[in-house]
């Protein structure tokens, strides 16, 4: 199984506790993102088995990398910035939506008999938004919709068929989600470590499971040190649980990002730093050797599953889609 975790807005930067919250707060899995040697990180596995790959988010296009084009590359293998000739933030453009519709990782895997799914569970208001305004949705939502599989809802969350966007459910209470009554079990805080410990077995029926965590990008834009510490602690506990339960002989953990941001809280914009890609488990050495840009991850996933035609289609397409 491949467990693919996306952390929005996380780049790899030098050690600097004055600007980099990973330098100041990370002690384990995310410490090397803050320039701390992985040999000094508190890890439940050998540091030599984990790869931290500085990944090109520009893909030949100058300017600050952005979410729509970067995420398109991460989840299709098609370099979005190169296709458009620019970086695009926010929601995917017409051209990017066409690319995702054809090359969605989840779609291609399922078409090739590899059961794959997007684990994020959404509230009724968001699901209604997707129906009413399908052009104003994120790349991850489009990747799932392209596959024909439904977006997961709160019933899926209640029955442990997916994960919530902050892992712990703490945000549910602060958002005041109208459809949840006081005392609803979904309002109970989840332990991120326990979630990590259970995730590999809970989602073992998938050959690839994708989870998106975007609070990292929000913290970066807000330049919020207090929330940065909380987010890092939750994520490190989650990943510790995963590392302790993952069988590196048959499972692979991929952690990727689309651009830098949270690693520099001295400013609120995206950064020029390389995006973080972290690998542990089966085939991690090969992935680390062959991943140079965001567009390289999907072909390596296809290689794991022996999907040569999918690799060919991704690598040799001529982008015969009118660019917007």
C-alpha atoms as a PDB file:
ATOM      1  CA  UNK A   1       0.000   0.000   0.000  1.00  0.00           C
ATOM      2  CA  UNK A   2       1.042   3.583  -0.700  1.00  0.00           C
ATOM      3  CA  UNK A   3      -0.086   6.116   1.899  1.00  0.00           C
ATOM      4  CA  UNK A   4       0.249   9.521   0.255  1.00  0.00           C
ATOM      5  CA  UNK A   5       0.016  12.550   2.561  1.00  0.00           C
ATOM      6  CA  UNK A   6      -0.024  16.030   1.066  1.00  0.00           C
ATOM      7  CA  UNK A   7       1.119  18.927   3.269  1.00  0.00           C
ATOM      8  CA  UNK A   8       0.202  22.233   1.664  1.00  0.00           C
ATOM      9  CA  UNK A   9       2.877  24.926   1.674  1.00  0.00           C
ATOM     10  CA  UNK A  10       5.913  23.226   3.197  1.00  0.00           C
ATOM     11  CA  UNK A  11       9.375  23.845   1.791  1.00  0.00           C
ATOM     12  CA  UNK A  12      12.779  22.655   2.948  1.00  0.00           C
ATOM     13  CA  UNK A  13      14.956  25.455   4.287  1.00  0.00           C
ATOM     14  CA  UNK A  14      18.079  26.053   6.347  1.00  0.00           C
ATOM     15  CA  UNK A  15      18.086  25.942  10.122  1.00  0.00           C
ATOM     16  CA  UNK A  16      16.817  29.260  11.445  1.00  0.00           C
ATOM     17  CA  UNK A  17      14.693  29.279  14.625  1.00  0.00           C
ATOM     18  CA  UNK A  18      13.983  32.970  14.109  1.00  0.00           C
ATOM     19  CA  UNK A  19      12.027  32.408  10.905  1.00  0.00           C
ATOM     20  CA  UNK A  20      11.532  28.649  10.469  1.00  0.00           C
ATOM     21  CA  UNK A  21       9.033  27.045  12.881  1.00  0.00           C
ATOM     22  CA  UNK A  22      10.273  23.591  11.929  1.00  0.00           C
ATOM     23  CA  UNK A  23      13.707  24.593  13.229  1.00  0.00           C
ATOM     24  CA  UNK A  24      12.169  25.790  16.488  1.00  0.00           C
ATOM     25  CA  UNK A  25       9.421  23.219  17.174  1.00  0.00           C
ATOM     26  CA  UNK A  26       9.970  20.019  15.158  1.00  0.00           C
ATOM     27  CA  UNK A  27      11.765  17.259  17.050  1.00  0.00           C
ATOM     28  CA  UNK A  28      10.961  14.186  14.992  1.00  0.00           C
ATOM     29  CA  UNK A  29       9.736  13.418  11.480  1.00  0.00           C
ATOM     30  CA  UNK A  30       9.590  17.050  10.336  1.00  0.00           C
ATOM     31  CA  UNK A  31      12.821  18.248  11.976  1.00  0.00           C
ATOM     32  CA  UNK A  32      14.914  17.953   8.768  1.00  0.00           C
ATOM     33  CA  UNK A  33      12.446  20.320   7.050  1.00  0.00           C
ATOM     34  CA  UNK A  34      13.827  22.909   9.459  1.00  0.00           C
ATOM     35  CA  UNK A  35      17.449  22.143   8.614  1.00  0.00           C
ATOM     36  CA  UNK A  36      18.012  19.771  11.550  1.00  0.00           C
ATOM     37  CA  UNK A  37      20.111  16.707  10.577  1.00  0.00           C
ATOM     38  CA  UNK A  38      17.895  13.656  10.412  1.00  0.00           C
ATOM     39  CA  UNK A  39      20.417  11.852  12.598  1.00  0.00           C
ATOM     40  CA  UNK A  40      19.430  14.269  15.380  1.00  0.00           C
ATOM     41  CA  UNK A  41      15.680  13.795  14.910  1.00  0.00           C
ATOM     42  CA  UNK A  42      13.613  11.716  17.334  1.00  0.00           C
ATOM     43  CA  UNK A  43      12.481   8.924  15.028  1.00  0.00           C
ATOM     44  CA  UNK A  44      11.105   5.425  15.735  1.00  0.00           C
ATOM     45  CA  UNK A  45      12.970   4.017  12.711  1.00  0.00           C
ATOM     46  CA  UNK A  46      16.502   4.342  11.388  1.00  0.00           C
ATOM     47  CA  UNK A  47      17.059   7.860   9.981  1.00  0.00           C
ATOM     48  CA  UNK A  48      18.940   6.311   7.067  1.00  0.00           C
ATOM     49  CA  UNK A  49      15.677   4.771   5.850  1.00  0.00           C
ATOM     50  CA  UNK A  50      13.894   8.117   5.479  1.00  0.00           C
ATOM     51  CA  UNK A  51      14.592  10.352   2.493  1.00  0.00           C
ATOM     52  CA  UNK A  52      14.070  14.125   2.542  1.00  0.00           C
ATOM     53  CA  UNK A  53      14.053  15.285  -1.070  1.00  0.00           C
ATOM     54  CA  UNK A  54      14.329  18.933  -2.067  1.00  0.00           C
ATOM     55  CA  UNK A  55      11.818  19.033  -4.908  1.00  0.00           C
ATOM     56  CA  UNK A  56      11.633  21.624  -7.686  1.00  0.00           C
ATOM     57  CA  UNK A  57       8.269  23.419  -7.627  1.00  0.00           C
ATOM     58  CA  UNK A  58       9.116  25.845 -10.448  1.00  0.00           C
ATOM     59  CA  UNK A  59       9.292  23.261 -13.251  1.00  0.00           C
ATOM     60  CA  UNK A  60      11.051  25.663 -15.589  1.00  0.00           C
ATOM     61  CA  UNK A  61       8.797  28.642 -14.890  1.00  0.00           C
ATOM     62  CA  UNK A  62      10.007  31.673 -12.948  1.00  0.00           C
ATOM     63  CA  UNK A  63       7.963  33.291 -10.204  1.00  0.00           C
ATOM     64  CA  UNK A  64       6.587  32.043  -6.902  1.00  0.00           C
ATOM     65  CA  UNK A  65       5.175  28.508  -7.161  1.00  0.00           C
ATOM     66  CA  UNK A  66       1.438  28.294  -6.514  1.00  0.00           C
ATOM     67  CA  UNK A  67      -1.122  25.719  -5.458  1.00  0.00           C
ATOM     68  CA  UNK A  68      -3.264  25.072  -8.531  1.00  0.00           C
ATOM     69  CA  UNK A  69      -0.371  24.396 -10.895  1.00  0.00           C
ATOM     70  CA  UNK A  70       1.761  22.623  -8.284  1.00  0.00           C
ATOM     71  CA  UNK A  71      -0.997  20.312  -7.126  1.00  0.00           C
ATOM     72  CA  UNK A  72      -1.881  19.486 -10.719  1.00  0.00           C
ATOM     73  CA  UNK A  73       1.708  18.310 -11.186  1.00  0.00           C
ATOM     74  CA  UNK A  74       1.683  16.336  -7.925  1.00  0.00           C
ATOM     75  CA  UNK A  75      -1.491  14.418  -8.736  1.00  0.00           C
ATOM     76  CA  UNK A  76      -1.291  13.996 -12.517  1.00  0.00           C
ATOM     77  CA  UNK A  77       2.413  13.939 -13.353  1.00  0.00           C
ATOM     78  CA  UNK A  78       1.792  16.796 -15.805  1.00  0.00           C
ATOM     79  CA  UNK A  79       3.856  19.951 -15.031  1.00  0.00           C
ATOM     80  CA  UNK A  80       1.085  22.500 -14.710  1.00  0.00           C
ATOM     81  CA  UNK A  81       3.335  25.592 -14.735  1.00  0.00           C
ATOM     82  CA  UNK A  82       5.073  24.419 -17.903  1.00  0.00           C
ATOM     83  CA  UNK A  83       1.750  23.867 -19.671  1.00  0.00           C
ATOM     84  CA  UNK A  84       0.385  27.299 -18.806  1.00  0.00           C
ATOM     85  CA  UNK A  85       3.681  29.159 -18.830  1.00  0.00           C
ATOM     86  CA  UNK A  86       2.896  30.604 -15.409  1.00  0.00           C
ATOM     87  CA  UNK A  87       2.067  29.641 -11.839  1.00  0.00           C
ATOM     88  CA  UNK A  88      -1.607  29.712 -10.862  1.00  0.00           C
ATOM     89  CA  UNK A  89      -2.920  30.029  -7.329  1.00  0.00           C
ATOM     90  CA  UNK A  90      -6.315  29.057  -5.948  1.00  0.00           C
ATOM     91  CA  UNK A  91      -8.639  26.995  -8.091  1.00  0.00           C
ATOM     92  CA  UNK A  92      -7.485  25.200 -11.266  1.00  0.00           C
ATOM     93  CA  UNK A  93      -8.095  26.968 -14.556  1.00  0.00           C
ATOM     94  CA  UNK A  94      -9.999  25.463 -17.491  1.00  0.00           C
ATOM     95  CA  UNK A  95      -6.805  23.907 -18.853  1.00  0.00           C
ATOM     96  CA  UNK A  96      -5.763  22.500 -15.489  1.00  0.00           C
ATOM     97  CA  UNK A  97      -9.241  21.036 -14.981  1.00  0.00           C
ATOM     98  CA  UNK A  98      -8.959  19.311 -18.358  1.00  0.00           C
ATOM     99  CA  UNK A  99      -5.568  17.882 -17.396  1.00  0.00           C
ATOM    100  CA  UNK A 100      -6.877  16.626 -14.058  1.00  0.00           C
ATOM    101  CA  UNK A 101      -9.961  15.146 -15.703  1.00  0.00           C
ATOM    102  CA  UNK A 102      -7.765  13.066 -18.013  1.00  0.00           C
ATOM    103  CA  UNK A 103      -4.689  12.326 -15.901  1.00  0.00           C
ATOM    104  CA  UNK A 104      -5.992  12.218 -12.294  1.00  0.00           C
ATOM    105  CA  UNK A 105      -3.816   9.813 -10.322  1.00  0.00           C
ATOM    106  CA  UNK A 106      -6.826   8.272  -8.590  1.00  0.00           C
ATOM    107  CA  UNK A 107      -8.690   7.907 -11.875  1.00  0.00           C
ATOM    108  CA  UNK A 108      -5.788   6.247 -13.698  1.00  0.00           C
ATOM    109  CA  UNK A 109      -5.030   3.865 -10.844  1.00  0.00           C
ATOM    110  CA  UNK A 110      -8.633   2.723 -10.540  1.00  0.00           C
ATOM    111  CA  UNK A 111      -8.911   2.291 -14.307  1.00  0.00           C
ATOM    112  CA  UNK A 112      -5.930  -0.032 -14.041  1.00  0.00           C
ATOM    113  CA  UNK A 113      -7.456  -2.114 -11.260  1.00  0.00           C
ATOM    114  CA  UNK A 114      -5.558  -0.447  -8.394  1.00  0.00           C
ATOM    115  CA  UNK A 115      -8.137   0.556  -5.783  1.00  0.00           C
ATOM    116  CA  UNK A 116      -7.365   4.133  -4.766  1.00  0.00           C
ATOM    117  CA  UNK A 117      -9.255   6.840  -2.913  1.00  0.00           C
ATOM    118  CA  UNK A 118      -9.161  10.350  -1.438  1.00  0.00           C
ATOM    119  CA  UNK A 119      -9.540  10.062   2.339  1.00  0.00           C
ATOM    120  CA  UNK A 120     -10.672  13.580   3.260  1.00  0.00           C
ATOM    121  CA  UNK A 121     -14.234  13.777   4.596  1.00  0.00           C
ATOM    122  CA  UNK A 122     -16.298  16.898   3.946  1.00  0.00           C
ATOM    123  CA  UNK A 123     -19.172  18.717   5.616  1.00  0.00           C
ATOM    124  CA  UNK A 124     -22.591  19.028   3.946  1.00  0.00           C
ATOM    125  CA  UNK A 125     -22.037  22.745   3.165  1.00  0.00           C
ATOM    126  CA  UNK A 126     -18.847  21.972   1.242  1.00  0.00           C
ATOM    127  CA  UNK A 127     -20.446  19.085  -0.649  1.00  0.00           C
ATOM    128  CA  UNK A 128     -23.305  21.415  -1.581  1.00  0.00           C
ATOM    129  CA  UNK A 129     -20.751  23.999  -2.742  1.00  0.00           C
ATOM    130  CA  UNK A 130     -19.138  21.401  -5.015  1.00  0.00           C
ATOM    131  CA  UNK A 131     -22.509  20.671  -6.634  1.00  0.00           C
ATOM    132  CA  UNK A 132     -23.453  24.316  -7.068  1.00  0.00           C
ATOM    133  CA  UNK A 133     -20.060  25.774  -8.019  1.00  0.00           C
ATOM    134  CA  UNK A 134     -17.946  22.978  -9.532  1.00  0.00           C
ATOM    135  CA  UNK A 135     -15.530  25.472 -11.079  1.00  0.00           C
ATOM    136  CA  UNK A 136     -14.603  26.841  -7.654  1.00  0.00           C
ATOM    137  CA  UNK A 137     -13.175  23.716  -6.070  1.00  0.00           C
ATOM    138  CA  UNK A 138      -9.660  22.597  -5.216  1.00  0.00           C
ATOM    139  CA  UNK A 139      -7.389  20.401  -7.284  1.00  0.00           C
ATOM    140  CA  UNK A 140      -7.710  17.538  -4.787  1.00  0.00           C
ATOM    141  CA  UNK A 141     -11.500  17.588  -5.091  1.00  0.00           C
ATOM    142  CA  UNK A 142     -11.207  17.484  -8.879  1.00  0.00           C
ATOM    143  CA  UNK A 143      -8.731  14.591  -8.694  1.00  0.00           C
ATOM    144  CA  UNK A 144     -11.316  12.560  -6.787  1.00  0.00           C
ATOM    145  CA  UNK A 145     -14.294  13.601  -8.922  1.00  0.00           C
ATOM    146  CA  UNK A 146     -12.399  12.674 -12.094  1.00  0.00           C
ATOM    147  CA  UNK A 147     -12.163   9.110 -10.811  1.00  0.00           C
ATOM    148  CA  UNK A 148     -15.919   8.735 -10.506  1.00  0.00           C
ATOM    149  CA  UNK A 149     -15.589   7.952  -6.817  1.00  0.00           C
ATOM    150  CA  UNK A 150     -17.702  10.085  -4.464  1.00  0.00           C
ATOM    151  CA  UNK A 151     -16.268  12.608  -2.059  1.00  0.00           C
ATOM    152  CA  UNK A 152     -16.411  11.290   1.481  1.00  0.00           C
ATOM    153  CA  UNK A 153     -18.874  12.818   3.949  1.00  0.00           C
ATOM    154  CA  UNK A 154     -19.461  12.941   7.699  1.00  0.00           C
ATOM    155  CA  UNK A 155     -21.053   9.500   7.648  1.00  0.00           C
ATOM    156  CA  UNK A 156     -17.767   8.166   6.275  1.00  0.00           C
ATOM    157  CA  UNK A 157     -15.937  10.071   8.991  1.00  0.00           C
ATOM    158  CA  UNK A 158     -18.168   8.662  11.726  1.00  0.00           C
ATOM    159  CA  UNK A 159     -17.535   5.148  10.437  1.00  0.00           C
ATOM    160  CA  UNK A 160     -13.762   5.624  10.168  1.00  0.00           C
ATOM    161  CA  UNK A 161     -13.703   5.440   6.387  1.00  0.00           C
ATOM    162  CA  UNK A 162     -11.704   8.647   6.097  1.00  0.00           C
ATOM    163  CA  UNK A 163      -9.970  11.504   7.922  1.00  0.00           C
ATOM    164  CA  UNK A 164     -10.868  15.087   8.743  1.00  0.00           C
ATOM    165  CA  UNK A 165      -8.849  18.005   7.422  1.00  0.00           C
ATOM    166  CA  UNK A 166      -7.204  18.850  10.764  1.00  0.00           C
ATOM    167  CA  UNK A 167      -6.858  15.201  11.897  1.00  0.00           C
ATOM    168  CA  UNK A 168      -7.918  15.994  15.489  1.00  0.00           C
ATOM    169  CA  UNK A 169     -11.463  17.384  14.847  1.00  0.00           C
ATOM    170  CA  UNK A 170     -10.601  20.407  17.003  1.00  0.00           C
ATOM    171  CA  UNK A 171     -11.638  22.784  14.228  1.00  0.00           C
ATOM    172  CA  UNK A 172     -15.156  21.351  14.121  1.00  0.00           C
ATOM    173  CA  UNK A 173     -15.984  22.992  17.417  1.00  0.00           C
ATOM    174  CA  UNK A 174     -14.488  26.350  16.505  1.00  0.00           C
ATOM    175  CA  UNK A 175     -16.239  26.433  13.122  1.00  0.00           C
ATOM    176  CA  UNK A 176     -19.622  25.823  14.748  1.00  0.00           C
ATOM    177  CA  UNK A 177     -20.751  23.359  12.116  1.00  0.00           C
ATOM    178  CA  UNK A 178     -24.532  23.693  12.214  1.00  0.00           C
ATOM    179  CA  UNK A 179     -25.497  20.099  11.500  1.00  0.00           C
ATOM    180  CA  UNK A 180     -23.642  18.716  14.531  1.00  0.00           C
ATOM    181  CA  UNK A 181     -25.515  18.734  17.816  1.00  0.00           C
ATOM    182  CA  UNK A 182     -23.743  19.173  21.163  1.00  0.00           C
ATOM    183  CA  UNK A 183     -22.373  15.823  22.245  1.00  0.00           C
ATOM    184  CA  UNK A 184     -21.985  14.496  18.713  1.00  0.00           C
ATOM    185  CA  UNK A 185     -19.026  12.043  18.751  1.00  0.00           C
ATOM    186  CA  UNK A 186     -17.485  13.864  15.785  1.00  0.00           C
ATOM    187  CA  UNK A 187     -16.794  16.785  18.090  1.00  0.00           C
ATOM    188  CA  UNK A 188     -14.563  14.660  20.313  1.00  0.00           C
ATOM    189  CA  UNK A 189     -10.869  15.358  19.887  1.00  0.00           C
ATOM    190  CA  UNK A 190      -8.887  12.637  18.095  1.00  0.00           C
ATOM    191  CA  UNK A 191      -5.368  11.675  19.105  1.00  0.00           C
ATOM    192  CA  UNK A 192      -3.167  12.177  15.997  1.00  0.00           C
ATOM    193  CA  UNK A 193      -0.722   9.508  17.157  1.00  0.00           C
ATOM    194  CA  UNK A 194      -3.500   6.927  17.426  1.00  0.00           C
ATOM    195  CA  UNK A 195      -4.854   7.988  14.029  1.00  0.00           C
ATOM    196  CA  UNK A 196      -1.430   7.387  12.541  1.00  0.00           C
ATOM    197  CA  UNK A 197      -1.105   4.004  14.254  1.00  0.00           C
ATOM    198  CA  UNK A 198      -4.459   2.852  12.864  1.00  0.00           C
ATOM    199  CA  UNK A 199      -4.292   4.383   9.389  1.00  0.00           C
ATOM    200  CA  UNK A 200      -2.267   1.681   7.648  1.00  0.00           C
ATOM    201  CA  UNK A 201      -4.591  -1.088   8.812  1.00  0.00           C
ATOM    202  CA  UNK A 202      -7.772   0.975   8.465  1.00  0.00           C
ATOM    203  CA  UNK A 203      -7.053   1.798   4.836  1.00  0.00           C
ATOM    204  CA  UNK A 204      -5.130  -1.346   3.916  1.00  0.00           C
ATOM    205  CA  UNK A 205      -7.736  -2.378   1.327  1.00  0.00           C
ATOM    206  CA  UNK A 206      -6.538   0.489  -0.867  1.00  0.00           C
ATOM    207  CA  UNK A 207      -3.432   0.247  -2.986  1.00  0.00           C
ATOM    208  CA  UNK A 208      -3.102   4.016  -2.715  1.00  0.00           C
ATOM    209  CA  UNK A 209      -4.803   6.341  -0.250  1.00  0.00           C
ATOM    210  CA  UNK A 210      -4.407  10.127  -0.543  1.00  0.00           C
ATOM    211  CA  UNK A 211      -4.886  12.550   2.349  1.00  0.00           C
ATOM    212  CA  UNK A 212      -4.643  16.351   2.166  1.00  0.00           C
ATOM    213  CA  UNK A 213      -3.597  18.594   5.084  1.00  0.00           C
ATOM    214  CA  UNK A 214      -3.756  22.297   4.240  1.00  0.00           C
ATOM    215  CA  UNK A 215      -3.471  23.987   7.638  1.00  0.00           C
ATOM    216  CA  UNK A 216       0.280  24.287   7.083  1.00  0.00           C
ATOM    217  CA  UNK A 217      -0.323  26.721   4.230  1.00  0.00           C
ATOM    218  CA  UNK A 218      -2.885  28.682   6.241  1.00  0.00           C
ATOM    219  CA  UNK A 219      -0.436  29.015   9.143  1.00  0.00           C
ATOM    220  CA  UNK A 220       2.245  30.241   6.765  1.00  0.00           C
ATOM    221  CA  UNK A 221       0.054  32.955   5.288  1.00  0.00           C
ATOM    222  CA  UNK A 222      -1.074  33.992   8.766  1.00  0.00           C
ATOM    223  CA  UNK A 223       2.536  34.044  10.086  1.00  0.00           C
ATOM    224  CA  UNK A 224       1.118  32.455  13.239  1.00  0.00           C
ATOM    225  CA  UNK A 225       3.843  30.976  15.470  1.00  0.00           C
ATOM    226  CA  UNK A 226       1.425  29.622  18.069  1.00  0.00           C
ATOM    227  CA  UNK A 227      -0.610  27.703  15.511  1.00  0.00           C
ATOM    228  CA  UNK A 228       2.587  26.580  13.793  1.00  0.00           C
ATOM    229  CA  UNK A 229       3.739  24.880  16.986  1.00  0.00           C
ATOM    230  CA  UNK A 230       0.369  23.157  17.399  1.00  0.00           C
ATOM    231  CA  UNK A 231       0.249  21.995  13.781  1.00  0.00           C
ATOM    232  CA  UNK A 232       3.796  20.639  13.908  1.00  0.00           C
ATOM    233  CA  UNK A 233       3.115  18.731  17.127  1.00  0.00           C
ATOM    234  CA  UNK A 234      -0.043  17.158  15.712  1.00  0.00           C
ATOM    235  CA  UNK A 235       1.649  16.199  12.446  1.00  0.00           C
ATOM    236  CA  UNK A 236       4.717  14.732  14.131  1.00  0.00           C
ATOM    237  CA  UNK A 237       2.531  12.616  16.407  1.00  0.00           C
ATOM    238  CA  UNK A 238       0.520  11.459  13.382  1.00  0.00           C
ATOM    239  CA  UNK A 239       3.633  10.506  11.438  1.00  0.00           C
ATOM    240  CA  UNK A 240       5.171   8.757  14.456  1.00  0.00           C
ATOM    241  CA  UNK A 241       2.102   6.534  14.584  1.00  0.00           C
ATOM    242  CA  UNK A 242       2.435   5.814  10.857  1.00  0.00           C
ATOM    243  CA  UNK A 243       6.146   5.005  11.062  1.00  0.00           C
ATOM    244  CA  UNK A 244       5.576   2.621  13.975  1.00  0.00           C
ATOM    245  CA  UNK A 245       2.887   0.692  12.103  1.00  0.00           C
ATOM    246  CA  UNK A 246       4.192   0.762   8.523  1.00  0.00           C
ATOM    247  CA  UNK A 247       5.839  -2.352   7.123  1.00  0.00           C
ATOM    248  CA  UNK A 248       8.702  -0.985   4.983  1.00  0.00           C
ATOM    249  CA  UNK A 249       8.892  -4.243   3.039  1.00  0.00           C
ATOM    250  CA  UNK A 250       5.431  -3.789   1.554  1.00  0.00           C
ATOM    251  CA  UNK A 251       4.170  -0.258   2.358  1.00  0.00           C
ATOM    252  CA  UNK A 252       5.369   3.167   1.279  1.00  0.00           C
ATOM    253  CA  UNK A 253       4.762   6.551   2.881  1.00  0.00           C
ATOM    254  CA  UNK A 254       4.944   9.547   0.551  1.00  0.00           C
ATOM    255  CA  UNK A 255       4.711  13.024   2.035  1.00  0.00           C
ATOM    256  CA  UNK A 256       4.715  15.828  -0.521  1.00  0.00           C
ATOM    257  CA  UNK A 257       4.086  19.547  -0.780  1.00  0.00           C
ATOM    258  CA  UNK A 258       3.344  21.928  -3.624  1.00  0.00           C
ATOM    259  CA  UNK A 259       5.521  24.914  -2.683  1.00  0.00           C
ATOM    260  CA  UNK A 260       7.261  26.548   0.228  1.00  0.00           C
ATOM    261  CA  UNK A 261       5.480  28.765   2.753  1.00  0.00           C
ATOM    262  CA  UNK A 262       5.271  27.698   6.402  1.00  0.00           C
ATOM    263  CA  UNK A 263       9.025  27.189   6.681  1.00  0.00           C
ATOM    264  CA  UNK A 264       9.472  30.976   6.635  1.00  0.00           C
ATOM    265  CA  UNK A 265       7.151  32.848   8.997  1.00  0.00           C
ATOM    266  CA  UNK A 266       9.089  36.093   8.576  1.00  0.00           C
ATOM    267  CA  UNK A 267       6.788  36.834   5.631  1.00  0.00           C
ATOM    268  CA  UNK A 268       3.308  35.723   4.531  1.00  0.00           C
ATOM    269  CA  UNK A 269       3.867  34.693   0.925  1.00  0.00           C
ATOM    270  CA  UNK A 270       4.949  31.491  -0.737  1.00  0.00           C
ATOM    271  CA  UNK A 271       8.700  31.022  -0.974  1.00  0.00           C
ATOM    272  CA  UNK A 272      11.286  30.044  -3.547  1.00  0.00           C
ATOM    273  CA  UNK A 273      12.455  27.145  -1.362  1.00  0.00           C
ATOM    274  CA  UNK A 274      12.219  23.639  -2.815  1.00  0.00           C
ATOM    275  CA  UNK A 275       9.074  21.783  -1.837  1.00  0.00           C
ATOM    276  CA  UNK A 276       9.400  18.995   0.697  1.00  0.00           C
ATOM    277  CA  UNK A 277       9.080  15.377  -0.367  1.00  0.00           C
ATOM    278  CA  UNK A 278       9.603  12.744   2.339  1.00  0.00           C
ATOM    279  CA  UNK A 279       9.777   9.008   1.653  1.00  0.00           C
ATOM    280  CA  UNK A 280       9.866   5.915   3.821  1.00  0.00           C
ATOM    281  CA  UNK A 281       9.250   2.274   3.019  1.00  0.00           C
ATOM    282  CA  UNK A 282       9.103   0.042  -0.046  1.00  0.00           C
ATOM    283  CA  UNK A 283      10.835   1.538  -3.097  1.00  0.00           C
ATOM    284  CA  UNK A 284      11.730   4.716  -1.175  1.00  0.00           C
ATOM    285  CA  UNK A 285      15.300   4.596  -2.498  1.00  0.00           C
ATOM    286  CA  UNK A 286      14.099   4.511  -6.106  1.00  0.00           C
ATOM    287  CA  UNK A 287      11.602   7.316  -5.562  1.00  0.00           C
ATOM    288  CA  UNK A 288      14.260   9.481  -3.903  1.00  0.00           C
ATOM    289  CA  UNK A 289      16.692   8.926  -6.768  1.00  0.00           C
ATOM    290  CA  UNK A 290      14.173   9.755  -9.494  1.00  0.00           C
ATOM    291  CA  UNK A 291      12.135  12.598  -7.980  1.00  0.00           C
ATOM    292  CA  UNK A 292      13.465  15.988  -9.007  1.00  0.00           C
ATOM    293  CA  UNK A 293      10.303  18.030  -9.599  1.00  0.00           C
ATOM    294  CA  UNK A 294       6.693  17.783  -8.444  1.00  0.00           C
ATOM    295  CA  UNK A 295       5.777  16.114 -11.728  1.00  0.00           C
ATOM    296  CA  UNK A 296       8.059  13.133 -11.042  1.00  0.00           C
ATOM    297  CA  UNK A 297       6.076  11.579  -8.194  1.00  0.00           C
ATOM    298  CA  UNK A 298       3.142  10.175 -10.177  1.00  0.00           C
ATOM    299  CA  UNK A 299       5.295   8.320 -12.756  1.00  0.00           C
ATOM    300  CA  UNK A 300       7.203   6.668  -9.911  1.00  0.00           C
ATOM    301  CA  UNK A 301       3.907   5.547  -8.376  1.00  0.00           C
ATOM    302  CA  UNK A 302       2.888   4.033 -11.699  1.00  0.00           C
ATOM    303  CA  UNK A 303       6.246   2.292 -11.892  1.00  0.00           C
ATOM    304  CA  UNK A 304       5.575   0.657  -8.515  1.00  0.00           C
ATOM    305  CA  UNK A 305       2.400  -0.853  -9.938  1.00  0.00           C
ATOM    306  CA  UNK A 306       3.988  -1.861 -13.258  1.00  0.00           C
ATOM    307  CA  UNK A 307       1.787   0.558 -15.219  1.00  0.00           C
ATOM    308  CA  UNK A 308       4.097   1.203 -18.164  1.00  0.00           C
ATOM    309  CA  UNK A 309       1.372   2.588 -20.432  1.00  0.00           C
ATOM    310  CA  UNK A 310       0.358   5.141 -17.821  1.00  0.00           C
ATOM    311  CA  UNK A 311       3.987   6.217 -17.474  1.00  0.00           C
ATOM    312  CA  UNK A 312       4.244   6.559 -21.234  1.00  0.00           C
ATOM    313  CA  UNK A 313       1.050   8.616 -21.454  1.00  0.00           C
ATOM    314  CA  UNK A 314       2.236  10.970 -18.721  1.00  0.00           C
ATOM    315  CA  UNK A 315       5.759  11.394 -20.056  1.00  0.00           C
ATOM    316  CA  UNK A 316       5.013  11.707 -23.771  1.00  0.00           C
ATOM    317  CA  UNK A 317       1.737  13.635 -23.985  1.00  0.00           C
ATOM    318  CA  UNK A 318       1.971  16.764 -26.090  1.00  0.00           C
ATOM    319  CA  UNK A 319      -0.428  18.824 -23.993  1.00  0.00           C
ATOM    320  CA  UNK A 320      -2.814  19.151 -26.908  1.00  0.00           C
ATOM    321  CA  UNK A 321      -5.177  21.233 -24.823  1.00  0.00           C
ATOM    322  CA  UNK A 322      -5.734  24.888 -25.616  1.00  0.00           C
ATOM    323  CA  UNK A 323      -3.986  26.804 -22.851  1.00  0.00           C
ATOM    324  CA  UNK A 324      -6.049  29.424 -21.037  1.00  0.00           C
END
